[in-house]
């Protein structure tokens, strides 16, 4: 099994960032391949994505722990894909997110690590934009 990790700082409070990430409906806003993510009750989420030119659908799970600002997720399949993240408060309005992805699939040329770094940057930016919009309402 291969594990990919990345840590980044974000210009958004830890509570706002975690709230944003714990709602699976936000996945398509920062995960480029994801086209839909709909909660189905409990931990279950129906997901749709475009992967290597193919439309795929499946069931995933999401387990948020709001008090610890931790989130675990995964999807059944041949790659045994799952991950976890943690959001920590740095200072007023700033946070740090640490993400770890686990898969039996090994990528060549660092494509998974690169994708992870791009996704973390996109989610931090999207959460900050949403947080700003909430404050203006």
C-alpha atoms as a PDB file:
ATOM      1  CA  UNK A   1       0.000   0.000   0.000  1.00  0.00           C
ATOM      2  CA  UNK A   2       1.235   3.478  -0.864  1.00  0.00           C
ATOM      3  CA  UNK A   3       0.567   6.531   1.314  1.00  0.00           C
ATOM      4  CA  UNK A   4       0.698  10.077  -0.003  1.00  0.00           C
ATOM      5  CA  UNK A   5       0.676  13.038   2.405  1.00  0.00           C
ATOM      6  CA  UNK A   6       0.548  16.797   2.166  1.00  0.00           C
ATOM      7  CA  UNK A   7       0.240  19.659   4.651  1.00  0.00           C
ATOM      8  CA  UNK A   8      -0.694  23.224   3.735  1.00  0.00           C
ATOM      9  CA  UNK A   9      -1.798  26.408   5.446  1.00  0.00           C
ATOM     10  CA  UNK A  10      -5.037  28.167   4.540  1.00  0.00           C
ATOM     11  CA  UNK A  11      -6.364  31.693   5.013  1.00  0.00           C
ATOM     12  CA  UNK A  12      -9.584  30.472   6.597  1.00  0.00           C
ATOM     13  CA  UNK A  13     -10.465  29.537  10.177  1.00  0.00           C
ATOM     14  CA  UNK A  14     -10.221  25.884  11.147  1.00  0.00           C
ATOM     15  CA  UNK A  15     -13.937  25.656  11.950  1.00  0.00           C
ATOM     16  CA  UNK A  16     -14.984  27.122   8.585  1.00  0.00           C
ATOM     17  CA  UNK A  17     -12.540  24.890   6.715  1.00  0.00           C
ATOM     18  CA  UNK A  18     -13.629  21.728   8.518  1.00  0.00           C
ATOM     19  CA  UNK A  19     -17.326  22.518   8.081  1.00  0.00           C
ATOM     20  CA  UNK A  20     -16.732  23.000   4.353  1.00  0.00           C
ATOM     21  CA  UNK A  21     -14.774  19.750   4.012  1.00  0.00           C
ATOM     22  CA  UNK A  22     -17.182  17.654   6.051  1.00  0.00           C
ATOM     23  CA  UNK A  23     -20.026  18.346   3.584  1.00  0.00           C
ATOM     24  CA  UNK A  24     -19.554  15.838   0.736  1.00  0.00           C
ATOM     25  CA  UNK A  25     -21.647  18.006  -1.611  1.00  0.00           C
ATOM     26  CA  UNK A  26     -18.646  20.363  -1.780  1.00  0.00           C
ATOM     27  CA  UNK A  27     -16.350  17.702  -3.299  1.00  0.00           C
ATOM     28  CA  UNK A  28     -16.939  18.765  -6.937  1.00  0.00           C
ATOM     29  CA  UNK A  29     -15.913  22.333  -6.018  1.00  0.00           C
ATOM     30  CA  UNK A  30     -12.313  21.357  -5.317  1.00  0.00           C
ATOM     31  CA  UNK A  31     -11.786  17.847  -6.685  1.00  0.00           C
ATOM     32  CA  UNK A  32     -11.500  18.366 -10.457  1.00  0.00           C
ATOM     33  CA  UNK A  33     -12.546  14.874 -11.557  1.00  0.00           C
ATOM     34  CA  UNK A  34     -15.615  14.724  -9.276  1.00  0.00           C
ATOM     35  CA  UNK A  35     -18.852  15.677 -11.016  1.00  0.00           C
ATOM     36  CA  UNK A  36     -21.358  14.815  -8.247  1.00  0.00           C
ATOM     37  CA  UNK A  37     -21.383  13.795  -4.598  1.00  0.00           C
ATOM     38  CA  UNK A  38     -24.706  13.245  -2.851  1.00  0.00           C
ATOM     39  CA  UNK A  39     -25.096  12.056   0.760  1.00  0.00           C
ATOM     40  CA  UNK A  40     -27.371   9.018   1.012  1.00  0.00           C
ATOM     41  CA  UNK A  41     -27.739   8.832   4.775  1.00  0.00           C
ATOM     42  CA  UNK A  42     -25.320   7.833   7.480  1.00  0.00           C
ATOM     43  CA  UNK A  43     -21.774   7.600   6.125  1.00  0.00           C
ATOM     44  CA  UNK A  44     -22.810   6.710   2.562  1.00  0.00           C
ATOM     45  CA  UNK A  45     -22.219   9.072  -0.367  1.00  0.00           C
ATOM     46  CA  UNK A  46     -23.033   8.446  -4.032  1.00  0.00           C
ATOM     47  CA  UNK A  47     -20.203   9.820  -6.181  1.00  0.00           C
ATOM     48  CA  UNK A  48     -19.712  10.395  -9.900  1.00  0.00           C
ATOM     49  CA  UNK A  49     -16.450  11.341 -11.597  1.00  0.00           C
ATOM     50  CA  UNK A  50     -14.646  11.559 -14.907  1.00  0.00           C
ATOM     51  CA  UNK A  51     -11.518   9.425 -14.598  1.00  0.00           C
ATOM     52  CA  UNK A  52      -9.120   9.005 -17.519  1.00  0.00           C
ATOM     53  CA  UNK A  53     -11.904   9.881 -19.977  1.00  0.00           C
ATOM     54  CA  UNK A  54     -14.491   7.527 -18.440  1.00  0.00           C
ATOM     55  CA  UNK A  55     -17.589   8.368 -16.416  1.00  0.00           C
ATOM     56  CA  UNK A  56     -17.624   6.330 -13.221  1.00  0.00           C
ATOM     57  CA  UNK A  57     -20.186   6.084 -10.436  1.00  0.00           C
ATOM     58  CA  UNK A  58     -19.956   4.403  -7.088  1.00  0.00           C
ATOM     59  CA  UNK A  59     -20.518   4.456  -3.392  1.00  0.00           C
ATOM     60  CA  UNK A  60     -18.128   6.037  -0.938  1.00  0.00           C
ATOM     61  CA  UNK A  61     -18.158   6.696   2.786  1.00  0.00           C
ATOM     62  CA  UNK A  62     -17.306   9.764   4.848  1.00  0.00           C
ATOM     63  CA  UNK A  63     -16.740   9.814   8.633  1.00  0.00           C
ATOM     64  CA  UNK A  64     -16.399  13.302  10.132  1.00  0.00           C
ATOM     65  CA  UNK A  65     -15.298  13.884  13.733  1.00  0.00           C
ATOM     66  CA  UNK A  66     -16.227  17.516  14.303  1.00  0.00           C
ATOM     67  CA  UNK A  67     -14.819  17.797  17.830  1.00  0.00           C
ATOM     68  CA  UNK A  68     -11.354  16.691  16.647  1.00  0.00           C
ATOM     69  CA  UNK A  69     -11.690  18.321  13.198  1.00  0.00           C
ATOM     70  CA  UNK A  70     -10.806  15.004  11.589  1.00  0.00           C
ATOM     71  CA  UNK A  71     -12.360  13.380   8.561  1.00  0.00           C
ATOM     72  CA  UNK A  72     -11.924   9.900   7.078  1.00  0.00           C
ATOM     73  CA  UNK A  73     -13.235   8.759   3.705  1.00  0.00           C
ATOM     74  CA  UNK A  74     -12.921   5.949   1.229  1.00  0.00           C
ATOM     75  CA  UNK A  75     -14.418   4.000  -1.634  1.00  0.00           C
ATOM     76  CA  UNK A  76     -14.546   0.300  -2.268  1.00  0.00           C
ATOM     77  CA  UNK A  77     -12.753  -0.926  -5.352  1.00  0.00           C
ATOM     78  CA  UNK A  78      -9.583  -2.445  -6.711  1.00  0.00           C
ATOM     79  CA  UNK A  79      -7.341   0.404  -5.490  1.00  0.00           C
ATOM     80  CA  UNK A  80      -8.532   0.210  -1.839  1.00  0.00           C
ATOM     81  CA  UNK A  81      -8.663   4.009  -1.850  1.00  0.00           C
ATOM     82  CA  UNK A  82      -9.138   5.800   1.475  1.00  0.00           C
ATOM     83  CA  UNK A  83      -7.805   8.794   3.306  1.00  0.00           C
ATOM     84  CA  UNK A  84      -7.954  11.036   6.299  1.00  0.00           C
ATOM     85  CA  UNK A  85      -7.428  14.677   7.056  1.00  0.00           C
ATOM     86  CA  UNK A  86      -7.016  16.902  10.061  1.00  0.00           C
ATOM     87  CA  UNK A  87      -7.594  20.639  10.334  1.00  0.00           C
ATOM     88  CA  UNK A  88      -5.693  22.612  12.998  1.00  0.00           C
ATOM     89  CA  UNK A  89      -6.183  26.232  14.063  1.00  0.00           C
ATOM     90  CA  UNK A  90      -3.029  28.321  13.583  1.00  0.00           C
ATOM     91  CA  UNK A  91      -4.137  31.849  14.451  1.00  0.00           C
ATOM     92  CA  UNK A  92      -7.261  33.908  14.027  1.00  0.00           C
ATOM     93  CA  UNK A  93      -8.537  33.197  10.530  1.00  0.00           C
ATOM     94  CA  UNK A  94      -5.745  30.759   9.580  1.00  0.00           C
ATOM     95  CA  UNK A  95      -5.555  26.996   9.676  1.00  0.00           C
ATOM     96  CA  UNK A  96      -3.411  24.062   8.634  1.00  0.00           C
ATOM     97  CA  UNK A  97      -4.724  20.998   6.831  1.00  0.00           C
ATOM     98  CA  UNK A  98      -2.908  17.677   6.782  1.00  0.00           C
ATOM     99  CA  UNK A  99      -4.123  15.031   4.317  1.00  0.00           C
ATOM    100  CA  UNK A 100      -3.047  11.408   3.903  1.00  0.00           C
ATOM    101  CA  UNK A 101      -4.216   9.203   1.002  1.00  0.00           C
ATOM    102  CA  UNK A 102      -3.792   5.444   0.961  1.00  0.00           C
ATOM    103  CA  UNK A 103      -4.033   3.216  -2.097  1.00  0.00           C
ATOM    104  CA  UNK A 104      -2.690  -0.096  -3.307  1.00  0.00           C
ATOM    105  CA  UNK A 105      -2.200   1.600  -6.698  1.00  0.00           C
ATOM    106  CA  UNK A 106       1.193   3.182  -7.201  1.00  0.00           C
ATOM    107  CA  UNK A 107       1.353   6.125  -9.564  1.00  0.00           C
ATOM    108  CA  UNK A 108       4.241   6.862 -11.851  1.00  0.00           C
ATOM    109  CA  UNK A 109       5.992  10.203 -11.993  1.00  0.00           C
ATOM    110  CA  UNK A 110       4.422  11.556  -8.813  1.00  0.00           C
ATOM    111  CA  UNK A 111       0.992  12.111 -10.375  1.00  0.00           C
ATOM    112  CA  UNK A 112      -0.926  11.241  -7.182  1.00  0.00           C
ATOM    113  CA  UNK A 113       1.267  13.434  -4.971  1.00  0.00           C
ATOM    114  CA  UNK A 114       0.998  16.286  -7.451  1.00  0.00           C
ATOM    115  CA  UNK A 115      -2.771  15.845  -7.651  1.00  0.00           C
ATOM    116  CA  UNK A 116      -3.021  15.791  -3.856  1.00  0.00           C
ATOM    117  CA  UNK A 117      -1.097  19.061  -3.563  1.00  0.00           C
ATOM    118  CA  UNK A 118      -3.269  20.719  -6.224  1.00  0.00           C
ATOM    119  CA  UNK A 119      -6.464  19.475  -4.584  1.00  0.00           C
ATOM    120  CA  UNK A 120      -5.437  20.725  -1.119  1.00  0.00           C
ATOM    121  CA  UNK A 121      -4.639  24.150  -2.584  1.00  0.00           C
ATOM    122  CA  UNK A 122      -7.995  24.214  -4.417  1.00  0.00           C
ATOM    123  CA  UNK A 123     -10.006  23.162  -1.373  1.00  0.00           C
ATOM    124  CA  UNK A 124      -8.351  25.767   0.850  1.00  0.00           C
ATOM    125  CA  UNK A 125      -9.116  28.448  -1.736  1.00  0.00           C
ATOM    126  CA  UNK A 126     -12.719  27.264  -2.221  1.00  0.00           C
ATOM    127  CA  UNK A 127     -13.367  27.099   1.533  1.00  0.00           C
ATOM    128  CA  UNK A 128     -11.934  30.591   2.019  1.00  0.00           C
ATOM    129  CA  UNK A 129     -14.156  31.951  -0.769  1.00  0.00           C
ATOM    130  CA  UNK A 130     -17.228  30.246   0.736  1.00  0.00           C
ATOM    131  CA  UNK A 131     -16.322  31.547   4.210  1.00  0.00           C
ATOM    132  CA  UNK A 132     -16.011  35.076   2.835  1.00  0.00           C
ATOM    133  CA  UNK A 133     -19.399  34.723   1.119  1.00  0.00           C
ATOM    134  CA  UNK A 134     -21.021  33.493   4.362  1.00  0.00           C
ATOM    135  CA  UNK A 135     -19.634  36.487   6.258  1.00  0.00           C
ATOM    136  CA  UNK A 136     -21.062  38.916   3.667  1.00  0.00           C
ATOM    137  CA  UNK A 137     -24.585  37.435   4.006  1.00  0.00           C
END
